[in-house]
Amino acid sequence: MPAGEDDFDSRLRREAIRWLTVRTHDGETPISWQELQDFELDGKPFRLMDAQRGIRKPKELTSALSIRTVYSADGAARPYDDEVGPDGLLRYKWRGDDPNHAENRALREVMRQGAPLIWFVGIAQGVYKPIYPVYLLWEEPEQQQFVIDPEVARGLVSPGRPVEEQLRRYIISETKRRLHQPVFRATVLRAYETRCAVCALRHAQLLDAAHIVADREEGGIAAVRNGLALCKIHHAAYDSSVLGIRPDLVVEIRADLLEEIDGPMLEHGLKGRHGQSLMALPRARAEQPDRELLEQRYAAFRAAG
């Protein structure tokens, strides 16, 4: 690659990541397709994500700049496998079946360069959680996929070599922290319009994305239908089986706490919600809590009481 092009490539990636960091408040806020059109380089608009394709390879570069994952309320139809590989890392699928497709070549080239990619993960139609930097470590042609790493395992793993269990657990844990958890949180809080399902508190800093049924130890990014936006008090109460949510979306408080006398938080924040319907739910039916998962979690709440 000519030195001038190399300089432009590096500067583009650096400026794009810097701009995204500012626009998303260091990754806390998702970004829409419309907002992405505001990015400029040298005073001119420059597209960071392709409108139609999953892989963005600008004509000015020899390799890919970004990859995109479409949104699905149930977590399906994503271009990476839900199951992690034996090394604990995710896979990103080829475009189609042709290894020489231009987009597959663009991914192969960015892998060869060791350059960072931006991963736009859909959390709603036209709304994305940018994850950056991510790297392609190696290709698995027989499975028509690349090994993708959110800057967790570079230098620690290599193709064809077994990964020690301790390292594998570290990779899984860090991948969840850097990829799964931020995407799940952004997806759930967006669906609930940044409100606690139990009390409708609106302050994002005080809200969590809670799993209805615990995510699998090695699972992929959780679906919004297995999530609830909860304030930190109600999240802790839910996780400790102080608070339960029935499949008909009614809150229950553990029986012994209903008899307890304490301060205003117990009286109004917990006991006051007993027998009340959830105060916030996603508008889209496809994003509302899965009733079978709620039933499973409610049975565990009843058993704990």
C-alpha atoms as a PDB file:
ATOM      1  CA  MET A   1       0.000   0.000   0.000  1.00  0.00           C
ATOM      2  CA  PRO A   2       1.452   3.428  -0.875  1.00  0.00           C
ATOM      3  CA  ALA A   3       2.497   5.529   2.111  1.00  0.00           C
ATOM      4  CA  GLY A   4      -0.085   8.223   1.357  1.00  0.00           C
ATOM      5  CA  GLU A   5      -2.927   5.740   1.316  1.00  0.00           C
ATOM      6  CA  ASP A   6      -1.651   4.148   4.509  1.00  0.00           C
ATOM      7  CA  ASP A   7      -1.637   7.573   6.185  1.00  0.00           C
ATOM      8  CA  PHE A   8      -5.185   8.286   4.994  1.00  0.00           C
ATOM      9  CA  ASP A   9      -6.400   4.867   6.147  1.00  0.00           C
ATOM     10  CA  SER A  10      -4.956   5.291   9.635  1.00  0.00           C
ATOM     11  CA  ARG A  11      -6.225   8.854   9.953  1.00  0.00           C
ATOM     12  CA  LEU A  12      -9.718   7.921   8.784  1.00  0.00           C
ATOM     13  CA  ARG A  13     -10.027   5.112  11.307  1.00  0.00           C
ATOM     14  CA  ARG A  14      -8.614   7.266  14.084  1.00  0.00           C
ATOM     15  CA  GLU A  15     -10.905  10.217  13.332  1.00  0.00           C
ATOM     16  CA  ALA A  16     -13.975   7.992  12.927  1.00  0.00           C
ATOM     17  CA  ILE A  17     -13.403   6.346  16.302  1.00  0.00           C
ATOM     18  CA  ARG A  18     -12.748   9.725  17.940  1.00  0.00           C
ATOM     19  CA  TRP A  19     -15.951  11.165  16.443  1.00  0.00           C
ATOM     20  CA  LEU A  20     -18.033   8.168  17.530  1.00  0.00           C
ATOM     21  CA  THR A  21     -16.624   8.413  21.044  1.00  0.00           C
ATOM     22  CA  VAL A  22     -17.818  12.017  21.306  1.00  0.00           C
ATOM     23  CA  ARG A  23     -21.202  11.495  19.614  1.00  0.00           C
ATOM     24  CA  THR A  24     -22.069   8.419  21.697  1.00  0.00           C
ATOM     25  CA  HIS A  25     -20.738   9.815  25.002  1.00  0.00           C
ATOM     26  CA  ASP A  26     -17.980   7.229  25.127  1.00  0.00           C
ATOM     27  CA  GLY A  27     -20.300   4.502  23.904  1.00  0.00           C
ATOM     28  CA  GLU A  28     -23.153   5.133  26.351  1.00  0.00           C
ATOM     29  CA  THR A  29     -25.621   6.437  23.759  1.00  0.00           C
ATOM     30  CA  PRO A  30     -26.639   4.561  20.586  1.00  0.00           C
ATOM     31  CA  ILE A  31     -26.481   6.328  17.258  1.00  0.00           C
ATOM     32  CA  SER A  32     -28.972   6.399  14.400  1.00  0.00           C
ATOM     33  CA  TRP A  33     -28.354   5.991  10.686  1.00  0.00           C
ATOM     34  CA  GLN A  34     -29.316   9.645  10.218  1.00  0.00           C
ATOM     35  CA  GLU A  35     -26.811  10.826  12.838  1.00  0.00           C
ATOM     36  CA  LEU A  36     -24.042   8.817  11.186  1.00  0.00           C
ATOM     37  CA  GLN A  37     -24.418  11.033   8.118  1.00  0.00           C
ATOM     38  CA  ASP A  38     -22.919  13.907  10.128  1.00  0.00           C
ATOM     39  CA  PHE A  39     -19.408  12.472  10.076  1.00  0.00           C
ATOM     40  CA  GLU A  40     -16.991  14.466   7.947  1.00  0.00           C
ATOM     41  CA  LEU A  41     -13.346  14.095   7.058  1.00  0.00           C
ATOM     42  CA  ASP A  42     -11.445  17.107   5.742  1.00  0.00           C
ATOM     43  CA  GLY A  43     -14.715  19.039   5.643  1.00  0.00           C
ATOM     44  CA  LYS A  44     -16.489  16.519   3.408  1.00  0.00           C
ATOM     45  CA  PRO A  45     -19.179  13.943   4.343  1.00  0.00           C
ATOM     46  CA  PHE A  46     -17.833  10.415   4.635  1.00  0.00           C
ATOM     47  CA  ARG A  47     -20.019   7.357   5.163  1.00  0.00           C
ATOM     48  CA  LEU A  48     -18.945   5.128   8.041  1.00  0.00           C
ATOM     49  CA  MET A  49     -21.540   2.442   7.343  1.00  0.00           C
ATOM     50  CA  ASP A  50     -22.967   1.091   4.109  1.00  0.00           C
ATOM     51  CA  ALA A  51     -26.685   1.680   3.624  1.00  0.00           C
ATOM     52  CA  GLN A  52     -27.366  -1.724   2.054  1.00  0.00           C
ATOM     53  CA  ARG A  53     -24.391  -3.982   2.660  1.00  0.00           C
ATOM     54  CA  GLY A  54     -23.106  -5.397   5.917  1.00  0.00           C
ATOM     55  CA  ILE A  55     -19.494  -4.573   5.089  1.00  0.00           C
ATOM     56  CA  ARG A  56     -18.324  -1.038   4.311  1.00  0.00           C
ATOM     57  CA  LYS A  57     -15.290  -0.835   2.036  1.00  0.00           C
ATOM     58  CA  PRO A  58     -14.780   2.774   0.873  1.00  0.00           C
ATOM     59  CA  LYS A  59     -13.286   3.241  -2.587  1.00  0.00           C
ATOM     60  CA  GLU A  60     -10.483   5.248  -0.958  1.00  0.00           C
ATOM     61  CA  LEU A  61      -9.305   2.201   1.014  1.00  0.00           C
ATOM     62  CA  THR A  62      -8.020  -1.236   0.084  1.00  0.00           C
ATOM     63  CA  SER A  63      -9.770  -2.864   3.070  1.00  0.00           C
ATOM     64  CA  ALA A  64     -12.995  -2.766   5.052  1.00  0.00           C
ATOM     65  CA  LEU A  65     -13.739   0.106   7.422  1.00  0.00           C
ATOM     66  CA  SER A  66     -16.799  -1.235   9.258  1.00  0.00           C
ATOM     67  CA  ILE A  67     -19.158  -4.172   9.573  1.00  0.00           C
ATOM     68  CA  ARG A  68     -22.845  -4.094  10.431  1.00  0.00           C
ATOM     69  CA  THR A  69     -25.214  -6.427  12.224  1.00  0.00           C
ATOM     70  CA  VAL A  70     -28.937  -6.042  11.625  1.00  0.00           C
ATOM     71  CA  TYR A  71     -31.385  -5.797  14.508  1.00  0.00           C
ATOM     72  CA  SER A  72     -33.639  -8.698  15.431  1.00  0.00           C
ATOM     73  CA  ALA A  73     -35.933  -8.611  18.466  1.00  0.00           C
ATOM     74  CA  ASP A  74     -35.418 -12.328  19.107  1.00  0.00           C
ATOM     75  CA  GLY A  75     -31.669 -12.248  18.491  1.00  0.00           C
ATOM     76  CA  ALA A  76     -31.924 -14.302  15.297  1.00  0.00           C
ATOM     77  CA  ALA A  77     -30.613 -13.680  11.777  1.00  0.00           C
ATOM     78  CA  ARG A  78     -27.305 -12.171  12.847  1.00  0.00           C
ATOM     79  CA  PRO A  79     -24.165 -12.635  10.726  1.00  0.00           C
ATOM     80  CA  TYR A  80     -22.223 -14.322  13.512  1.00  0.00           C
ATOM     81  CA  ASP A  81     -22.849 -17.601  15.287  1.00  0.00           C
ATOM     82  CA  ASP A  82     -24.663 -17.424  18.633  1.00  0.00           C
ATOM     83  CA  GLU A  83     -22.314 -20.096  19.934  1.00  0.00           C
ATOM     84  CA  VAL A  84     -18.737 -19.122  20.569  1.00  0.00           C
ATOM     85  CA  GLY A  85     -15.895 -21.222  19.209  1.00  0.00           C
ATOM     86  CA  PRO A  86     -13.647 -23.491  21.257  1.00  0.00           C
ATOM     87  CA  ASP A  87     -11.385 -20.501  21.854  1.00  0.00           C
ATOM     88  CA  GLY A  88     -14.217 -18.401  23.333  1.00  0.00           C
ATOM     89  CA  LEU A  89     -14.346 -15.979  20.391  1.00  0.00           C
ATOM     90  CA  LEU A  90     -17.198 -15.002  18.074  1.00  0.00           C
ATOM     91  CA  ARG A  91     -17.302 -15.607  14.336  1.00  0.00           C
ATOM     92  CA  TYR A  92     -18.376 -13.206  11.588  1.00  0.00           C
ATOM     93  CA  LYS A  93     -19.774 -14.838   8.460  1.00  0.00           C
ATOM     94  CA  TRP A  94     -18.633 -14.250   4.903  1.00  0.00           C
ATOM     95  CA  ARG A  95     -20.792 -12.295   2.511  1.00  0.00           C
ATOM     96  CA  GLY A  96     -22.403 -15.161   0.564  1.00  0.00           C
ATOM     97  CA  ASP A  97     -20.513 -18.297  -0.460  1.00  0.00           C
ATOM     98  CA  ASP A  98     -17.879 -16.839  -2.773  1.00  0.00           C
ATOM     99  CA  PRO A  99     -14.514 -16.413  -1.018  1.00  0.00           C
ATOM    100  CA  ASN A 100     -13.522 -13.919  -3.715  1.00  0.00           C
ATOM    101  CA  HIS A 101     -16.530 -11.670  -3.256  1.00  0.00           C
ATOM    102  CA  ALA A 102     -15.270  -8.078  -3.014  1.00  0.00           C
ATOM    103  CA  GLU A 103     -16.515  -7.701   0.549  1.00  0.00           C
ATOM    104  CA  ASN A 104     -14.838 -10.923   1.684  1.00  0.00           C
ATOM    105  CA  ARG A 105     -11.615  -9.735   0.094  1.00  0.00           C
ATOM    106  CA  ALA A 106     -11.999  -6.428   1.943  1.00  0.00           C
ATOM    107  CA  LEU A 107     -12.297  -8.292   5.241  1.00  0.00           C
ATOM    108  CA  ARG A 108      -9.326 -10.483   4.370  1.00  0.00           C
ATOM    109  CA  GLU A 109      -7.252  -7.387   3.634  1.00  0.00           C
ATOM    110  CA  VAL A 110      -8.142  -5.615   6.883  1.00  0.00           C
ATOM    111  CA  MET A 111      -7.218  -8.828   8.691  1.00  0.00           C
ATOM    112  CA  ARG A 112      -3.868  -8.913   6.885  1.00  0.00           C
ATOM    113  CA  GLN A 113      -3.199  -5.278   7.798  1.00  0.00           C
ATOM    114  CA  GLY A 114      -4.193  -5.803  11.424  1.00  0.00           C
ATOM    115  CA  ALA A 115      -6.250  -2.601  11.183  1.00  0.00           C
ATOM    116  CA  PRO A 116      -9.188  -1.847  13.503  1.00  0.00           C
ATOM    117  CA  LEU A 117     -12.790  -2.190  12.379  1.00  0.00           C
ATOM    118  CA  ILE A 118     -15.920  -0.513  13.696  1.00  0.00           C
ATOM    119  CA  TRP A 119     -18.775  -2.924  14.414  1.00  0.00           C
ATOM    120  CA  PHE A 120     -22.238  -1.344  14.189  1.00  0.00           C
ATOM    121  CA  VAL A 121     -24.575  -3.673  16.087  1.00  0.00           C
ATOM    122  CA  GLY A 122     -28.270  -2.996  15.489  1.00  0.00           C
ATOM    123  CA  ILE A 123     -30.348  -2.385  18.622  1.00  0.00           C
ATOM    124  CA  ALA A 124     -33.443  -1.179  16.718  1.00  0.00           C
ATOM    125  CA  GLN A 125     -34.382  -0.512  13.128  1.00  0.00           C
ATOM    126  CA  GLY A 126     -31.858   2.098  11.986  1.00  0.00           C
ATOM    127  CA  VAL A 127     -30.260   2.471  15.449  1.00  0.00           C
ATOM    128  CA  TYR A 128     -26.836   1.057  16.288  1.00  0.00           C
ATOM    129  CA  LYS A 129     -24.462   0.458  19.147  1.00  0.00           C
ATOM    130  CA  PRO A 130     -20.939   1.013  17.761  1.00  0.00           C
ATOM    131  CA  ILE A 131     -18.308  -1.350  19.151  1.00  0.00           C
ATOM    132  CA  TYR A 132     -14.717  -0.337  18.468  1.00  0.00           C
ATOM    133  CA  PRO A 133     -12.058  -1.275  17.867  1.00  0.00           C
ATOM    134  CA  VAL A 134     -12.615  -4.875  16.814  1.00  0.00           C
ATOM    135  CA  TYR A 135     -10.139  -7.017  14.887  1.00  0.00           C
ATOM    136  CA  LEU A 136     -10.255 -10.037  12.621  1.00  0.00           C
ATOM    137  CA  LEU A 137      -7.726 -12.567  13.906  1.00  0.00           C
ATOM    138  CA  TRP A 138      -7.888 -15.304  11.262  1.00  0.00           C
ATOM    139  CA  GLU A 139     -10.164 -16.862   8.688  1.00  0.00           C
ATOM    140  CA  GLU A 140     -11.913 -20.235   8.773  1.00  0.00           C
ATOM    141  CA  PRO A 141     -12.696 -20.863   5.081  1.00  0.00           C
ATOM    142  CA  GLU A 142     -14.392 -24.223   5.611  1.00  0.00           C
ATOM    143  CA  GLN A 143     -16.952 -22.527   7.855  1.00  0.00           C
ATOM    144  CA  GLN A 144     -17.030 -19.409   5.637  1.00  0.00           C
ATOM    145  CA  GLN A 145     -16.234 -17.074   8.525  1.00  0.00           C
ATOM    146  CA  PHE A 146     -13.685 -14.881  10.261  1.00  0.00           C
ATOM    147  CA  VAL A 147     -12.718 -14.910  13.922  1.00  0.00           C
ATOM    148  CA  ILE A 148     -13.699 -11.537  15.371  1.00  0.00           C
ATOM    149  CA  ASP A 149     -12.207 -10.074  18.525  1.00  0.00           C
ATOM    150  CA  PRO A 150     -13.262  -6.926  20.462  1.00  0.00           C
ATOM    151  CA  GLU A 151      -9.620  -6.298  21.405  1.00  0.00           C
ATOM    152  CA  VAL A 152      -9.571  -9.098  23.961  1.00  0.00           C
ATOM    153  CA  ALA A 153      -7.483 -11.942  22.551  1.00  0.00           C
ATOM    154  CA  ARG A 154      -4.967 -10.430  20.136  1.00  0.00           C
ATOM    155  CA  GLY A 155      -1.565 -11.945  20.855  1.00  0.00           C
ATOM    156  CA  LEU A 156      -3.070 -14.510  23.202  1.00  0.00           C
ATOM    157  CA  VAL A 157      -4.548 -17.001  20.726  1.00  0.00           C
ATOM    158  CA  SER A 158      -3.629 -18.349  17.326  1.00  0.00           C
ATOM    159  CA  PRO A 159      -5.338 -20.622  14.792  1.00  0.00           C
ATOM    160  CA  GLY A 160      -5.035 -24.365  15.272  1.00  0.00           C
ATOM    161  CA  ARG A 161      -3.693 -24.136  18.807  1.00  0.00           C
ATOM    162  CA  PRO A 162      -5.840 -25.250  21.776  1.00  0.00           C
ATOM    163  CA  VAL A 163      -6.723 -22.574  24.316  1.00  0.00           C
ATOM    164  CA  GLU A 164      -6.252 -23.281  28.007  1.00  0.00           C
ATOM    165  CA  GLU A 165      -9.507 -23.246  29.965  1.00  0.00           C
ATOM    166  CA  GLN A 166      -8.448 -20.342  32.166  1.00  0.00           C
ATOM    167  CA  LEU A 167      -7.643 -18.201  29.113  1.00  0.00           C
ATOM    168  CA  ARG A 168     -10.856 -19.283  27.415  1.00  0.00           C
ATOM    169  CA  ARG A 169     -12.901 -18.178  30.422  1.00  0.00           C
ATOM    170  CA  TYR A 170     -11.076 -14.861  30.449  1.00  0.00           C
ATOM    171  CA  ILE A 171     -11.846 -14.314  26.749  1.00  0.00           C
ATOM    172  CA  ILE A 172     -15.528 -15.156  27.249  1.00  0.00           C
ATOM    173  CA  SER A 173     -15.779 -12.865  30.282  1.00  0.00           C
ATOM    174  CA  GLU A 174     -14.073  -9.928  28.566  1.00  0.00           C
ATOM    175  CA  THR A 175     -16.052 -10.380  25.345  1.00  0.00           C
ATOM    176  CA  LYS A 176     -19.265 -10.228  27.356  1.00  0.00           C
ATOM    177  CA  ARG A 177     -18.087  -7.101  29.168  1.00  0.00           C
ATOM    178  CA  ARG A 178     -16.989  -5.280  26.009  1.00  0.00           C
ATOM    179  CA  LEU A 179     -19.607  -6.511  23.538  1.00  0.00           C
ATOM    180  CA  HIS A 180     -22.549  -8.503  24.874  1.00  0.00           C
ATOM    181  CA  GLN A 181     -23.380  -6.453  27.951  1.00  0.00           C
ATOM    182  CA  PRO A 182     -23.177  -2.963  26.352  1.00  0.00           C
ATOM    183  CA  VAL A 183     -25.279  -4.097  23.373  1.00  0.00           C
ATOM    184  CA  PHE A 184     -27.853  -5.837  25.582  1.00  0.00           C
ATOM    185  CA  ARG A 185     -28.120  -2.776  27.828  1.00  0.00           C
ATOM    186  CA  ALA A 186     -28.500  -0.387  24.903  1.00  0.00           C
ATOM    187  CA  THR A 187     -31.112  -2.631  23.276  1.00  0.00           C
ATOM    188  CA  VAL A 188     -33.215  -3.024  26.428  1.00  0.00           C
ATOM    189  CA  LEU A 189     -33.051   0.606  27.564  1.00  0.00           C
ATOM    190  CA  ARG A 190     -33.970   1.782  24.083  1.00  0.00           C
ATOM    191  CA  ALA A 191     -36.975  -0.594  23.972  1.00  0.00           C
ATOM    192  CA  TYR A 192     -38.183   0.610  27.402  1.00  0.00           C
ATOM    193  CA  GLU A 193     -37.562   4.255  26.451  1.00  0.00           C
ATOM    194  CA  THR A 194     -35.050   4.572  29.304  1.00  0.00           C
ATOM    195  CA  ARG A 195     -37.611   3.846  32.031  1.00  0.00           C
ATOM    196  CA  CYS A 196     -37.656   1.298  34.832  1.00  0.00           C
ATOM    197  CA  ALA A 197     -40.339  -1.287  34.105  1.00  0.00           C
ATOM    198  CA  VAL A 198     -41.387  -1.386  37.767  1.00  0.00           C
ATOM    199  CA  CYS A 199     -41.355   2.285  38.805  1.00  0.00           C
ATOM    200  CA  ALA A 200     -40.804   4.242  35.532  1.00  0.00           C
ATOM    201  CA  LEU A 201     -37.655   5.997  36.807  1.00  0.00           C
ATOM    202  CA  ARG A 202     -36.086   7.728  33.787  1.00  0.00           C
ATOM    203  CA  HIS A 203     -32.464   8.388  34.789  1.00  0.00           C
ATOM    204  CA  ALA A 204     -30.231   6.243  32.561  1.00  0.00           C
ATOM    205  CA  GLN A 205     -27.367   6.291  35.065  1.00  0.00           C
ATOM    206  CA  LEU A 206     -29.635   4.549  37.584  1.00  0.00           C
ATOM    207  CA  LEU A 207     -30.988   1.927  35.170  1.00  0.00           C
ATOM    208  CA  ASP A 208     -29.761  -1.567  34.324  1.00  0.00           C
ATOM    209  CA  ALA A 209     -30.720  -4.133  31.724  1.00  0.00           C
ATOM    210  CA  ALA A 210     -31.776  -7.199  33.719  1.00  0.00           C
ATOM    211  CA  HIS A 211     -32.068 -10.686  32.293  1.00  0.00           C
ATOM    212  CA  ILE A 212     -35.354 -12.445  32.960  1.00  0.00           C
ATOM    213  CA  VAL A 213     -33.600 -15.803  32.726  1.00  0.00           C
ATOM    214  CA  ALA A 214     -29.838 -15.744  33.209  1.00  0.00           C
ATOM    215  CA  ASP A 215     -27.852 -15.579  29.996  1.00  0.00           C
ATOM    216  CA  ARG A 216     -26.043 -18.773  29.061  1.00  0.00           C
ATOM    217  CA  GLU A 217     -22.489 -18.929  30.291  1.00  0.00           C
ATOM    218  CA  GLU A 218     -21.192 -18.979  26.732  1.00  0.00           C
ATOM    219  CA  GLY A 219     -24.163 -17.493  24.920  1.00  0.00           C
ATOM    220  CA  GLY A 220     -24.299 -14.734  22.387  1.00  0.00           C
ATOM    221  CA  ILE A 221     -25.847 -11.308  22.703  1.00  0.00           C
ATOM    222  CA  ALA A 222     -29.136 -11.714  24.602  1.00  0.00           C
ATOM    223  CA  ALA A 223     -32.467 -10.888  22.992  1.00  0.00           C
ATOM    224  CA  VAL A 224     -34.552  -7.944  24.187  1.00  0.00           C
ATOM    225  CA  ARG A 225     -37.439 -10.323  24.975  1.00  0.00           C
ATOM    226  CA  ASN A 226     -35.279 -11.805  27.729  1.00  0.00           C
ATOM    227  CA  GLY A 227     -34.657  -8.368  29.229  1.00  0.00           C
ATOM    228  CA  LEU A 228     -36.218  -5.822  31.559  1.00  0.00           C
ATOM    229  CA  ALA A 229     -35.128  -2.243  32.169  1.00  0.00           C
ATOM    230  CA  LEU A 230     -34.915  -1.928  35.943  1.00  0.00           C
ATOM    231  CA  CYS A 231     -33.577   0.718  38.286  1.00  0.00           C
ATOM    232  CA  LYS A 232     -30.740  -0.479  40.462  1.00  0.00           C
ATOM    233  CA  ILE A 233     -32.967  -1.033  43.512  1.00  0.00           C
ATOM    234  CA  HIS A 234     -35.542  -3.077  41.618  1.00  0.00           C
ATOM    235  CA  HIS A 235     -32.818  -4.946  39.716  1.00  0.00           C
ATOM    236  CA  ALA A 236     -31.201  -5.997  43.000  1.00  0.00           C
ATOM    237  CA  ALA A 237     -34.604  -6.956  44.392  1.00  0.00           C
ATOM    238  CA  TYR A 238     -35.398  -8.991  41.275  1.00  0.00           C
ATOM    239  CA  ASP A 239     -32.078 -10.807  41.279  1.00  0.00           C
ATOM    240  CA  SER A 240     -32.368 -11.659  44.994  1.00  0.00           C
ATOM    241  CA  SER A 241     -35.992 -12.855  44.650  1.00  0.00           C
ATOM    242  CA  VAL A 242     -37.291 -10.066  46.873  1.00  0.00           C
ATOM    243  CA  LEU A 243     -39.361  -8.956  43.881  1.00  0.00           C
ATOM    244  CA  GLY A 244     -41.036 -11.163  41.326  1.00  0.00           C
ATOM    245  CA  ILE A 245     -42.888 -10.429  38.085  1.00  0.00           C
ATOM    246  CA  ARG A 246     -45.787 -12.659  37.128  1.00  0.00           C
ATOM    247  CA  PRO A 247     -46.349 -13.731  33.513  1.00  0.00           C
ATOM    248  CA  ASP A 248     -49.321 -11.315  33.431  1.00  0.00           C
ATOM    249  CA  LEU A 249     -46.828  -8.484  34.129  1.00  0.00           C
ATOM    250  CA  VAL A 250     -47.884  -7.873  37.727  1.00  0.00           C
ATOM    251  CA  VAL A 251     -45.295  -7.246  40.443  1.00  0.00           C
ATOM    252  CA  GLU A 252     -45.143  -9.331  43.614  1.00  0.00           C
ATOM    253  CA  ILE A 253     -43.058  -8.689  46.712  1.00  0.00           C
ATOM    254  CA  ARG A 254     -41.881 -11.572  48.891  1.00  0.00           C
ATOM    255  CA  ALA A 255     -44.431 -12.286  51.606  1.00  0.00           C
ATOM    256  CA  ASP A 256     -42.153 -11.767  54.610  1.00  0.00           C
ATOM    257  CA  LEU A 257     -41.196  -8.277  53.414  1.00  0.00           C
ATOM    258  CA  LEU A 258     -44.839  -7.283  53.200  1.00  0.00           C
ATOM    259  CA  GLU A 259     -45.019  -7.766  56.987  1.00  0.00           C
ATOM    260  CA  GLU A 260     -41.808  -5.878  57.673  1.00  0.00           C
ATOM    261  CA  ILE A 261     -41.708  -2.301  58.964  1.00  0.00           C
ATOM    262  CA  ASP A 262     -38.841  -0.147  57.679  1.00  0.00           C
ATOM    263  CA  GLY A 263     -38.159   3.156  55.947  1.00  0.00           C
ATOM    264  CA  PRO A 264     -39.820   4.802  52.934  1.00  0.00           C
ATOM    265  CA  MET A 265     -37.854   2.783  50.360  1.00  0.00           C
ATOM    266  CA  LEU A 266     -39.300  -0.493  51.596  1.00  0.00           C
ATOM    267  CA  GLU A 267     -42.734   1.020  52.113  1.00  0.00           C
ATOM    268  CA  HIS A 268     -43.100   2.859  48.821  1.00  0.00           C
ATOM    269  CA  GLY A 269     -40.353   1.512  46.576  1.00  0.00           C
ATOM    270  CA  LEU A 270     -41.070  -2.160  47.174  1.00  0.00           C
ATOM    271  CA  LYS A 271     -44.219  -2.879  49.211  1.00  0.00           C
ATOM    272  CA  GLY A 272     -46.082  -0.131  47.339  1.00  0.00           C
ATOM    273  CA  ARG A 273     -45.516  -1.942  44.042  1.00  0.00           C
ATOM    274  CA  HIS A 274     -46.984  -5.255  45.256  1.00  0.00           C
ATOM    275  CA  GLY A 275     -49.932  -6.276  43.096  1.00  0.00           C
ATOM    276  CA  GLN A 276     -49.323  -3.447  40.621  1.00  0.00           C
ATOM    277  CA  SER A 277     -48.787  -3.837  36.888  1.00  0.00           C
ATOM    278  CA  LEU A 278     -45.471  -2.916  35.330  1.00  0.00           C
ATOM    279  CA  MET A 279     -45.319   0.814  34.652  1.00  0.00           C
ATOM    280  CA  ALA A 280     -43.205   0.694  31.483  1.00  0.00           C
ATOM    281  CA  LEU A 281     -43.136  -1.760  28.598  1.00  0.00           C
ATOM    282  CA  PRO A 282     -41.789  -1.668  25.033  1.00  0.00           C
ATOM    283  CA  ARG A 283     -44.283  -0.289  22.526  1.00  0.00           C
ATOM    284  CA  ALA A 284     -43.487  -3.026  20.002  1.00  0.00           C
ATOM    285  CA  ARG A 285     -45.144  -6.329  20.909  1.00  0.00           C
ATOM    286  CA  ALA A 286     -42.175  -8.230  19.479  1.00  0.00           C
ATOM    287  CA  GLU A 287     -39.916  -6.565  22.081  1.00  0.00           C
ATOM    288  CA  GLN A 288     -42.103  -7.157  25.127  1.00  0.00           C
ATOM    289  CA  PRO A 289     -41.053  -9.720  27.747  1.00  0.00           C
ATOM    290  CA  ASP A 290     -41.375 -13.341  26.709  1.00  0.00           C
ATOM    291  CA  ARG A 291     -44.215 -14.810  28.802  1.00  0.00           C
ATOM    292  CA  GLU A 292     -42.641 -18.264  28.970  1.00  0.00           C
ATOM    293  CA  LEU A 293     -39.402 -16.800  30.303  1.00  0.00           C
ATOM    294  CA  LEU A 294     -41.354 -14.724  32.823  1.00  0.00           C
ATOM    295  CA  GLU A 295     -43.192 -17.853  33.944  1.00  0.00           C
ATOM    296  CA  GLN A 296     -39.911 -19.717  34.371  1.00  0.00           C
ATOM    297  CA  ARG A 297     -38.411 -16.889  36.431  1.00  0.00           C
ATOM    298  CA  TYR A 298     -41.617 -16.417  38.451  1.00  0.00           C
ATOM    299  CA  ALA A 299     -41.604 -20.104  39.398  1.00  0.00           C
ATOM    300  CA  ALA A 300     -38.057 -19.658  40.741  1.00  0.00           C
ATOM    301  CA  PHE A 301     -39.225 -16.584  42.713  1.00  0.00           C
ATOM    302  CA  ARG A 302     -42.090 -18.547  44.259  1.00  0.00           C
ATOM    303  CA  ALA A 303     -39.797 -21.434  45.133  1.00  0.00           C
ATOM    304  CA  ALA A 304     -37.316 -19.075  46.820  1.00  0.00           C
ATOM    305  CA  GLY A 305     -40.053 -17.540  48.976  1.00  0.00           C
END
